[in-house]
N, C-alpha and C. Protein backbone atom coordinates (compact mmCIF):
# COMPACT_ATOMS: atom_id res chain seq x y z
N MET A 1 0.86 -1.18 0.00
CA MET A 1 0.00 0.00 0.00
C MET A 1 0.90 1.24 0.00
N PRO A 2 0.69 2.18 -0.92
CA PRO A 2 1.51 3.39 -0.93
C PRO A 2 1.32 4.21 0.33
N ARG A 3 2.34 4.98 0.60
CA ARG A 3 2.35 5.77 1.83
C ARG A 3 1.19 6.77 1.89
N ASN A 4 0.86 7.38 0.76
CA ASN A 4 -0.24 8.36 0.73
C ASN A 4 -1.58 7.74 1.07
N ARG A 5 -1.76 6.48 0.81
CA ARG A 5 -3.03 5.81 1.11
C ARG A 5 -3.09 5.37 2.57
N LEU A 6 -1.95 5.29 3.25
CA LEU A 6 -1.92 4.89 4.66
C LEU A 6 -2.36 6.02 5.58
N ILE A 7 -2.16 7.26 5.18
CA ILE A 7 -2.48 8.40 6.05
C ILE A 7 -3.96 8.43 6.41
N PRO A 8 -4.90 8.29 5.46
CA PRO A 8 -6.32 8.28 5.85
C PRO A 8 -6.68 7.08 6.73
N VAL A 9 -6.07 5.94 6.47
CA VAL A 9 -6.35 4.75 7.28
C VAL A 9 -5.88 4.96 8.72
N ILE A 10 -4.67 5.47 8.86
CA ILE A 10 -4.13 5.73 10.21
C ILE A 10 -4.96 6.79 10.92
N THR A 11 -5.38 7.82 10.18
CA THR A 11 -6.22 8.87 10.77
C THR A 11 -7.54 8.30 11.26
N CYS A 12 -8.15 7.43 10.49
CA CYS A 12 -9.42 6.80 10.90
C CYS A 12 -9.22 5.93 12.14
N ILE A 13 -8.14 5.18 12.18
CA ILE A 13 -7.87 4.31 13.34
C ILE A 13 -7.65 5.14 14.60
N ILE A 14 -6.87 6.21 14.48
CA ILE A 14 -6.63 7.08 15.64
C ILE A 14 -7.93 7.75 16.09
N SER A 15 -8.74 8.22 15.13
CA SER A 15 -10.02 8.85 15.48
C SER A 15 -10.95 7.87 16.17
N LEU A 16 -10.99 6.65 15.68
CA LEU A 16 -11.83 5.62 16.30
C LEU A 16 -11.36 5.32 17.72
N CYS A 17 -10.06 5.20 17.93
CA CYS A 17 -9.54 4.94 19.27
C CYS A 17 -9.84 6.09 20.22
N LEU A 18 -9.68 7.33 19.75
CA LEU A 18 -10.01 8.48 20.59
C LEU A 18 -11.49 8.52 20.93
N GLY A 19 -12.33 8.18 19.97
CA GLY A 19 -13.77 8.15 20.22
C GLY A 19 -14.15 7.10 21.25
N ILE A 20 -13.55 5.93 21.15
CA ILE A 20 -13.83 4.87 22.12
C ILE A 20 -13.35 5.28 23.51
N CYS A 21 -12.17 5.86 23.60
CA CYS A 21 -11.65 6.32 24.90
C CYS A 21 -12.55 7.40 25.50
N THR A 22 -12.98 8.34 24.68
CA THR A 22 -13.87 9.40 25.15
C THR A 22 -15.19 8.83 25.64
N ALA A 23 -15.76 7.90 24.89
CA ALA A 23 -17.03 7.28 25.29
C ALA A 23 -16.86 6.53 26.61
N TYR A 24 -15.76 5.81 26.77
CA TYR A 24 -15.52 5.07 28.00
C TYR A 24 -15.39 6.02 29.19
N LEU A 25 -14.60 7.08 29.04
CA LEU A 25 -14.40 8.02 30.15
C LEU A 25 -15.68 8.75 30.49
N THR A 26 -16.50 9.04 29.50
CA THR A 26 -17.77 9.73 29.74
C THR A 26 -18.76 8.81 30.46
N CYS A 27 -18.91 7.61 29.98
CA CYS A 27 -19.90 6.68 30.57
C CYS A 27 -19.47 6.18 31.94
N SER A 28 -18.19 6.03 32.18
CA SER A 28 -17.73 5.50 33.46
C SER A 28 -17.59 6.60 34.51
N LYS A 29 -17.73 7.85 34.11
CA LYS A 29 -17.63 9.01 35.00
C LYS A 29 -16.29 9.05 35.73
N ARG A 30 -15.24 8.58 35.07
CA ARG A 30 -13.90 8.58 35.66
C ARG A 30 -13.36 10.00 35.85
N LEU A 31 -13.83 10.93 35.04
CA LEU A 31 -13.32 12.30 35.11
C LEU A 31 -14.29 13.25 35.79
N ALA A 32 -15.29 12.73 36.50
CA ALA A 32 -16.28 13.59 37.15
C ALA A 32 -15.64 14.49 38.20
N HIS A 33 -14.71 13.96 38.98
CA HIS A 33 -14.08 14.78 40.02
C HIS A 33 -13.22 15.88 39.41
N VAL A 34 -12.59 15.61 38.27
CA VAL A 34 -11.81 16.64 37.59
C VAL A 34 -12.73 17.73 37.06
N ASP A 35 -13.85 17.32 36.47
CA ASP A 35 -14.83 18.27 35.96
C ASP A 35 -15.38 19.14 37.08
N ASN A 36 -15.68 18.54 38.22
CA ASN A 36 -16.19 19.31 39.37
C ASN A 36 -15.14 20.29 39.88
N ALA A 37 -13.89 19.87 39.93
CA ALA A 37 -12.82 20.76 40.42
C ALA A 37 -12.64 21.94 39.49
N VAL A 38 -12.65 21.70 38.19
CA VAL A 38 -12.50 22.80 37.22
C VAL A 38 -13.69 23.75 37.31
N THR A 39 -14.89 23.20 37.40
CA THR A 39 -16.09 24.03 37.52
C THR A 39 -16.04 24.88 38.79
N ASN A 40 -15.60 24.30 39.90
CA ASN A 40 -15.49 25.06 41.14
C ASN A 40 -14.50 26.21 41.01
N ILE A 41 -13.38 25.95 40.34
CA ILE A 41 -12.39 27.01 40.15
C ILE A 41 -12.97 28.13 39.29
N ILE A 42 -13.68 27.77 38.24
CA ILE A 42 -14.26 28.78 37.36
C ILE A 42 -15.23 29.67 38.14
N TYR A 43 -16.10 29.05 38.93
CA TYR A 43 -17.09 29.84 39.68
C TYR A 43 -16.46 30.60 40.84
N GLN A 44 -15.36 30.11 41.38
CA GLN A 44 -14.73 30.77 42.52
C GLN A 44 -13.98 32.03 42.10
N TYR A 45 -13.31 31.98 40.97
CA TYR A 45 -12.44 33.08 40.58
C TYR A 45 -13.03 34.02 39.52
N ASN A 46 -14.19 33.71 38.98
CA ASN A 46 -14.84 34.60 38.02
C ASN A 46 -15.97 35.34 38.71
N SER A 47 -16.05 36.61 38.45
CA SER A 47 -17.14 37.38 39.05
C SER A 47 -18.32 37.39 38.08
N PHE A 48 -19.40 36.84 38.53
CA PHE A 48 -20.62 36.80 37.73
C PHE A 48 -21.59 37.84 38.28
N ASP A 49 -22.45 38.33 37.42
CA ASP A 49 -23.44 39.31 37.86
C ASP A 49 -24.38 38.68 38.88
N GLN A 50 -24.85 39.52 39.80
CA GLN A 50 -25.80 39.07 40.81
C GLN A 50 -27.12 38.70 40.13
N ALA A 51 -27.74 37.66 40.59
CA ALA A 51 -29.03 37.26 40.03
C ALA A 51 -30.09 38.30 40.39
N ASP A 52 -31.12 38.37 39.61
CA ASP A 52 -32.21 39.31 39.83
C ASP A 52 -32.89 38.97 41.16
N SER A 53 -33.00 39.96 42.04
CA SER A 53 -33.56 39.72 43.38
C SER A 53 -35.06 39.43 43.33
N ARG A 54 -35.71 39.67 42.20
CA ARG A 54 -37.15 39.38 42.09
C ARG A 54 -37.42 37.90 41.85
N ILE A 55 -36.36 37.14 41.57
CA ILE A 55 -36.51 35.71 41.31
C ILE A 55 -36.29 34.94 42.60
N THR A 56 -37.22 34.06 42.91
CA THR A 56 -37.11 33.22 44.10
C THR A 56 -37.32 31.77 43.69
N LEU A 57 -36.44 30.90 44.14
CA LEU A 57 -36.59 29.48 43.88
C LEU A 57 -37.26 28.82 45.08
N VAL A 58 -38.29 28.07 44.81
CA VAL A 58 -39.00 27.36 45.86
C VAL A 58 -38.93 25.88 45.55
N THR A 59 -38.43 25.11 46.51
CA THR A 59 -38.37 23.67 46.34
C THR A 59 -39.19 22.99 47.42
N ILE A 60 -39.73 21.85 47.10
CA ILE A 60 -40.55 21.09 48.05
C ILE A 60 -39.96 19.70 48.16
N ASP A 61 -39.58 19.30 49.36
CA ASP A 61 -39.02 17.97 49.54
C ASP A 61 -40.14 16.94 49.72
N ASP A 62 -39.77 15.68 49.75
CA ASP A 62 -40.76 14.59 49.83
C ASP A 62 -41.54 14.63 51.14
N ALA A 63 -40.87 14.97 52.24
CA ALA A 63 -41.55 15.01 53.54
C ALA A 63 -42.62 16.09 53.56
N SER A 64 -42.31 17.28 53.01
CA SER A 64 -43.30 18.36 52.98
C SER A 64 -44.45 18.01 52.06
N GLU A 65 -44.16 17.36 50.95
CA GLU A 65 -45.22 16.98 50.04
C GLU A 65 -46.13 15.95 50.68
N ALA A 66 -45.56 15.06 51.50
CA ALA A 66 -46.38 14.06 52.17
C ALA A 66 -47.32 14.73 53.19
N VAL A 67 -46.85 15.79 53.84
CA VAL A 67 -47.66 16.47 54.85
C VAL A 67 -48.70 17.39 54.20
N TYR A 68 -48.26 18.20 53.23
CA TYR A 68 -49.14 19.23 52.67
C TYR A 68 -49.77 18.84 51.33
N GLY A 69 -49.30 17.79 50.73
CA GLY A 69 -49.83 17.40 49.41
C GLY A 69 -49.16 18.17 48.30
N HIS A 70 -49.69 18.00 47.10
CA HIS A 70 -49.08 18.69 45.96
C HIS A 70 -50.04 19.57 45.27
């Protein structure tokens, strides 16, 4: 096989291997702690605008729903 024809084959093999590795790392959540650490650093050192004070989040847990209904 000529050398010029090997380049696309090698590129496809490398791309396939990288895709499989990425899928494995994503599905196994092996990098979740790294992702959380990076996200924490981003939020810690970047100044974001304050949220609108007119917005209020209300959550209801299972115990409150059992007492008061839905």
